[in-house]
Amino acid sequence: MIVILGALIGAIVGGLTARRRKGNRLDIAQYAAGYGIAFGLVGLIVTVLIDRAMV
């Protein structure tokens, strides 16, 4: 659940960042994908750490 939430937040942040920098549609899509992957990866690490701490 944290991974999905992180990916969605990352995509939103990435899209807004590209729009603020006056990017076209492809720039916005690329930033959204990149940020989504990065935030999803951070969410995955957080999920693993939480799971390890509970055991």
PDB file of N, CA and C in Angstrom:
ATOM      1  N   MET A   1       0.825  -1.191   0.000  1.00  0.00           N
ATOM      2  CA  MET A   1       0.000   0.000   0.000  1.00  0.00           C
ATOM      3  C   MET A   1       0.874   1.262   0.000  1.00  0.00           C
ATOM      4  N   ILE A   2       1.948   1.228   0.761  1.00  0.00           N
ATOM      5  CA  ILE A   2       2.843   2.386   0.806  1.00  0.00           C
ATOM      6  C   ILE A   2       3.507   2.600  -0.553  1.00  0.00           C
ATOM      7  N   VAL A   3       3.804   1.509  -1.248  1.00  0.00           N
ATOM      8  CA  VAL A   3       4.457   1.613  -2.556  1.00  0.00           C
ATOM      9  C   VAL A   3       3.535   2.309  -3.554  1.00  0.00           C
ATOM     10  N   ILE A   4       2.275   1.911  -3.577  1.00  0.00           N
ATOM     11  CA  ILE A   4       1.316   2.506  -4.509  1.00  0.00           C
ATOM     12  C   ILE A   4       1.105   3.980  -4.189  1.00  0.00           C
ATOM     13  N   LEU A   5       0.960   4.276  -2.921  1.00  0.00           N
ATOM     14  CA  LEU A   5       0.777   5.665  -2.509  1.00  0.00           C
ATOM     15  C   LEU A   5       2.001   6.507  -2.876  1.00  0.00           C
ATOM     16  N   GLY A   6       3.187   5.961  -2.647  1.00  0.00           N
ATOM     17  CA  GLY A   6       4.411   6.667  -3.003  1.00  0.00           C
ATOM     18  C   GLY A   6       4.514   6.920  -4.499  1.00  0.00           C
ATOM     19  N   ALA A   7       4.156   5.918  -5.297  1.00  0.00           N
ATOM     20  CA  ALA A   7       4.211   6.073  -6.747  1.00  0.00           C
ATOM     21  C   ALA A   7       3.219   7.136  -7.228  1.00  0.00           C
ATOM     22  N   LEU A   8       2.029   7.142  -6.660  1.00  0.00           N
ATOM     23  CA  LEU A   8       1.035   8.144  -7.059  1.00  0.00           C
ATOM     24  C   LEU A   8       1.467   9.557  -6.666  1.00  0.00           C
ATOM     25  N   ILE A   9       1.951   9.701  -5.452  1.00  0.00           N
ATOM     26  CA  ILE A   9       2.425  11.020  -5.008  1.00  0.00           C
ATOM     27  C   ILE A   9       3.606  11.467  -5.858  1.00  0.00           C
ATOM     28  N   GLY A  10       4.503  10.534  -6.159  1.00  0.00           N
ATOM     29  CA  GLY A  10       5.650  10.861  -7.001  1.00  0.00           C
ATOM     30  C   GLY A  10       5.241  11.304  -8.400  1.00  0.00           C
ATOM     31  N   ALA A  11       4.259  10.633  -8.970  1.00  0.00           N
ATOM     32  CA  ALA A  11       3.788  11.009 -10.308  1.00  0.00           C
ATOM     33  C   ALA A  11       3.167  12.402 -10.293  1.00  0.00           C
ATOM     34  N   ILE A  12       2.422  12.708  -9.244  1.00  0.00           N
ATOM     35  CA  ILE A  12       1.811  14.035  -9.135  1.00  0.00           C
ATOM     36  C   ILE A  12       2.892  15.108  -8.978  1.00  0.00           C
ATOM     37  N   VAL A  13       3.844  14.847  -8.090  1.00  0.00           N
ATOM     38  CA  VAL A  13       4.930  15.816  -7.865  1.00  0.00           C
ATOM     39  C   VAL A  13       5.743  16.004  -9.145  1.00  0.00           C
ATOM     40  N   GLY A  14       6.042  14.916  -9.828  1.00  0.00           N
ATOM     41  CA  GLY A  14       6.809  14.997 -11.069  1.00  0.00           C
ATOM     42  C   GLY A  14       6.075  15.770 -12.160  1.00  0.00           C
ATOM     43  N   GLY A  15       4.788  15.504 -12.300  1.00  0.00           N
ATOM     44  CA  GLY A  15       4.001  16.229 -13.305  1.00  0.00           C
ATOM     45  C   GLY A  15       3.929  17.716 -13.007  1.00  0.00           C
ATOM     46  N   LEU A  16       3.741  18.050 -11.738  1.00  0.00           N
ATOM     47  CA  LEU A  16       3.689  19.464 -11.369  1.00  0.00           C
ATOM     48  C   LEU A  16       5.038  20.149 -11.548  1.00  0.00           C
ATOM     49  N   THR A  17       6.118  19.425 -11.270  1.00  0.00           N
ATOM     50  CA  THR A  17       7.455  19.984 -11.458  1.00  0.00           C
ATOM     51  C   THR A  17       7.712  20.288 -12.932  1.00  0.00           C
ATOM     52  N   ALA A  18       7.364  19.357 -13.805  1.00  0.00           N
ATOM     53  CA  ALA A  18       7.565  19.571 -15.238  1.00  0.00           C
ATOM     54  C   ALA A  18       6.685  20.705 -15.755  1.00  0.00           C
ATOM     55  N   ARG A  19       5.463  20.785 -15.269  1.00  0.00           N
ATOM     56  CA  ARG A  19       4.571  21.863 -15.699  1.00  0.00           C
ATOM     57  C   ARG A  19       5.105  23.220 -15.257  1.00  0.00           C
ATOM     58  N   ARG A  20       5.634  23.272 -14.019  1.00  0.00           N
ATOM     59  CA  ARG A  20       6.197  24.519 -13.498  1.00  0.00           C
ATOM     60  C   ARG A  20       7.404  24.968 -14.318  1.00  0.00           C
ATOM     61  N   ARG A  21       8.124  24.002 -14.884  1.00  0.00           N
ATOM     62  CA  ARG A  21       9.297  24.322 -15.716  1.00  0.00           C
ATOM     63  C   ARG A  21       8.919  24.520 -17.181  1.00  0.00           C
ATOM     64  N   LYS A  22       7.634  24.643 -17.456  1.00  0.00           N
ATOM     65  CA  LYS A  22       7.104  24.908 -18.799  1.00  0.00           C
ATOM     66  C   LYS A  22       7.402  23.782 -19.790  1.00  0.00           C
ATOM     67  N   GLY A  23       7.254  22.534 -19.332  1.00  0.00           N
ATOM     68  CA  GLY A  23       7.484  21.394 -20.207  1.00  0.00           C
ATOM     69  C   GLY A  23       6.255  21.057 -21.027  1.00  0.00           C
ATOM     70  N   ASN A  24       6.479  20.380 -22.145  1.00  0.00           N
ATOM     71  CA  ASN A  24       5.342  19.940 -22.960  1.00  0.00           C
ATOM     72  C   ASN A  24       4.790  18.631 -22.401  1.00  0.00           C
ATOM     73  N   ARG A  25       3.843  18.026 -23.099  1.00  0.00           N
ATOM     74  CA  ARG A  25       3.181  16.816 -22.590  1.00  0.00           C
ATOM     75  C   ARG A  25       4.151  15.671 -22.363  1.00  0.00           C
ATOM     76  N   LEU A  26       5.093  15.491 -23.271  1.00  0.00           N
ATOM     77  CA  LEU A  26       6.052  14.402 -23.113  1.00  0.00           C
ATOM     78  C   LEU A  26       6.992  14.643 -21.938  1.00  0.00           C
ATOM     79  N   ASP A  27       7.375  15.889 -21.714  1.00  0.00           N
ATOM     80  CA  ASP A  27       8.198  16.211 -20.547  1.00  0.00           C
ATOM     81  C   ASP A  27       7.450  15.903 -19.256  1.00  0.00           C
ATOM     82  N   ILE A  28       6.179  16.283 -19.224  1.00  0.00           N
ATOM     83  CA  ILE A  28       5.363  16.040 -18.039  1.00  0.00           C
ATOM     84  C   ILE A  28       5.238  14.538 -17.797  1.00  0.00           C
ATOM     85  N   ALA A  29       5.010  13.772 -18.863  1.00  0.00           N
ATOM     86  CA  ALA A  29       4.891  12.319 -18.722  1.00  0.00           C
ATOM     87  C   ALA A  29       6.194  11.695 -18.240  1.00  0.00           C
ATOM     88  N   GLN A  30       7.325  12.179 -18.768  1.00  0.00           N
ATOM     89  CA  GLN A  30       8.616  11.624 -18.376  1.00  0.00           C
ATOM     90  C   GLN A  30       8.930  11.948 -16.913  1.00  0.00           C
ATOM     91  N   TYR A  31       8.688  13.173 -16.506  1.00  0.00           N
ATOM     92  CA  TYR A  31       8.914  13.552 -15.112  1.00  0.00           C
ATOM     93  C   TYR A  31       7.991  12.756 -14.185  1.00  0.00           C
ATOM     94  N   ALA A  32       6.738  12.606 -14.584  1.00  0.00           N
ATOM     95  CA  ALA A  32       5.789  11.859 -13.751  1.00  0.00           C
ATOM     96  C   ALA A  32       6.242  10.412 -13.604  1.00  0.00           C
ATOM     97  N   ALA A  33       6.696   9.809 -14.679  1.00  0.00           N
ATOM     98  CA  ALA A  33       7.168   8.424 -14.612  1.00  0.00           C
ATOM     99  C   ALA A  33       8.422   8.311 -13.747  1.00  0.00           C
ATOM    100  N   GLY A  34       9.356   9.202 -13.952  1.00  0.00           N
ATOM    101  CA  GLY A  34      10.603   9.161 -13.184  1.00  0.00           C
ATOM    102  C   GLY A  34      10.386   9.360 -11.700  1.00  0.00           C
ATOM    103  N   TYR A  35       9.624  10.369 -11.352  1.00  0.00           N
ATOM    104  CA  TYR A  35       9.338  10.629  -9.940  1.00  0.00           C
ATOM    105  C   TYR A  35       8.489   9.506  -9.347  1.00  0.00           C
ATOM    106  N   GLY A  36       7.558   8.984 -10.128  1.00  0.00           N
ATOM    107  CA  GLY A  36       6.727   7.881  -9.644  1.00  0.00           C
ATOM    108  C   GLY A  36       7.557   6.651  -9.317  1.00  0.00           C
ATOM    109  N   ILE A  37       8.508   6.327 -10.181  1.00  0.00           N
ATOM    110  CA  ILE A  37       9.383   5.186  -9.934  1.00  0.00           C
ATOM    111  C   ILE A  37      10.252   5.438  -8.705  1.00  0.00           C
ATOM    112  N   ALA A  38      10.803   6.636  -8.591  1.00  0.00           N
ATOM    113  CA  ALA A  38      11.672   6.956  -7.457  1.00  0.00           C
ATOM    114  C   ALA A  38      10.914   6.906  -6.138  1.00  0.00           C
ATOM    115  N   PHE A  39       9.749   7.524  -6.087  1.00  0.00           N
ATOM    116  CA  PHE A  39       8.967   7.528  -4.854  1.00  0.00           C
ATOM    117  C   PHE A  39       8.441   6.126  -4.545  1.00  0.00           C
ATOM    118  N   GLY A  40       8.100   5.350  -5.581  1.00  0.00           N
ATOM    119  CA  GLY A  40       7.668   3.978  -5.370  1.00  0.00           C
ATOM    120  C   GLY A  40       8.791   3.124  -4.788  1.00  0.00           C
ATOM    121  N   LEU A  41      10.006   3.354  -5.248  1.00  0.00           N
ATOM    122  CA  LEU A  41      11.155   2.632  -4.712  1.00  0.00           C
ATOM    123  C   LEU A  41      11.398   2.986  -3.249  1.00  0.00           C
ATOM    124  N   VAL A  42      11.268   4.259  -2.923  1.00  0.00           N
ATOM    125  CA  VAL A  42      11.395   4.677  -1.520  1.00  0.00           C
ATOM    126  C   VAL A  42      10.296   4.025  -0.684  1.00  0.00           C
ATOM    127  N   GLY A  43       9.085   3.977  -1.213  1.00  0.00           N
ATOM    128  CA  GLY A  43       7.983   3.319  -0.509  1.00  0.00           C
ATOM    129  C   GLY A  43       8.248   1.839  -0.304  1.00  0.00           C
ATOM    130  N   LEU A  44       8.862   1.191  -1.281  1.00  0.00           N
ATOM    131  CA  LEU A  44       9.202  -0.223  -1.152  1.00  0.00           C
ATOM    132  C   LEU A  44      10.221  -0.434  -0.035  1.00  0.00           C
ATOM    133  N   ILE A  45      11.224   0.416   0.025  1.00  0.00           N
ATOM    134  CA  ILE A  45      12.237   0.313   1.077  1.00  0.00           C
ATOM    135  C   ILE A  45      11.609   0.536   2.445  1.00  0.00           C
ATOM    136  N   VAL A  46      10.730   1.523   2.550  1.00  0.00           N
ATOM    137  CA  VAL A  46      10.048   1.781   3.819  1.00  0.00           C
ATOM    138  C   VAL A  46       9.193   0.582   4.217  1.00  0.00           C
ATOM    139  N   THR A  47       8.511  -0.013   3.256  1.00  0.00           N
ATOM    140  CA  THR A  47       7.685  -1.183   3.541  1.00  0.00           C
ATOM    141  C   THR A  47       8.530  -2.345   4.052  1.00  0.00           C
ATOM    142  N   VAL A  48       9.664  -2.583   3.426  1.00  0.00           N
ATOM    143  CA  VAL A  48      10.550  -3.666   3.861  1.00  0.00           C
ATOM    144  C   VAL A  48      11.078  -3.391   5.266  1.00  0.00           C
ATOM    145  N   LEU A  49      11.467  -2.151   5.529  1.00  0.00           N
ATOM    146  CA  LEU A  49      11.971  -1.810   6.864  1.00  0.00           C
ATOM    147  C   LEU A  49      10.898  -1.989   7.935  1.00  0.00           C
ATOM    148  N   ILE A  50       9.688  -1.592   7.630  1.00  0.00           N
ATOM    149  CA  ILE A  50       8.584  -1.774   8.586  1.00  0.00           C
ATOM    150  C   ILE A  50       8.326  -3.260   8.817  1.00  0.00           C
ATOM    151  N   ASP A  51       8.348  -4.045   7.732  1.00  0.00           N
ATOM    152  CA  ASP A  51       8.110  -5.481   7.861  1.00  0.00           C
ATOM    153  C   ASP A  51       9.203  -6.147   8.693  1.00  0.00           C
ATOM    154  N   ARG A  52      10.435  -5.762   8.470  1.00  0.00           N
ATOM    155  CA  ARG A  52      11.550  -6.327   9.242  1.00  0.00           C
ATOM    156  C   ARG A  52      11.483  -5.938  10.719  1.00  0.00           C
ATOM    157  N   ALA A  53      11.007  -4.744  10.986  1.00  0.00           N
ATOM    158  CA  ALA A  53      10.926  -4.278  12.373  1.00  0.00           C
ATOM    159  C   ALA A  53       9.827  -5.001  13.137  1.00  0.00           C
ATOM    160  N   MET A  54       8.800  -5.470  12.444  1.00  0.00           N
ATOM    161  CA  MET A  54       7.676  -6.123  13.108  1.00  0.00           C
ATOM    162  C   MET A  54       7.987  -7.588  13.444  1.00  0.00           C
ATOM    163  N   VAL A  55       8.984  -8.158  12.815  1.00  0.00           N
ATOM    164  CA  VAL A  55       9.309  -9.579  13.046  1.00  0.00           C
ATOM    165  C   VAL A  55      10.235  -9.753  14.207  1.00  0.00           C
TER     166      VAL A  55
END
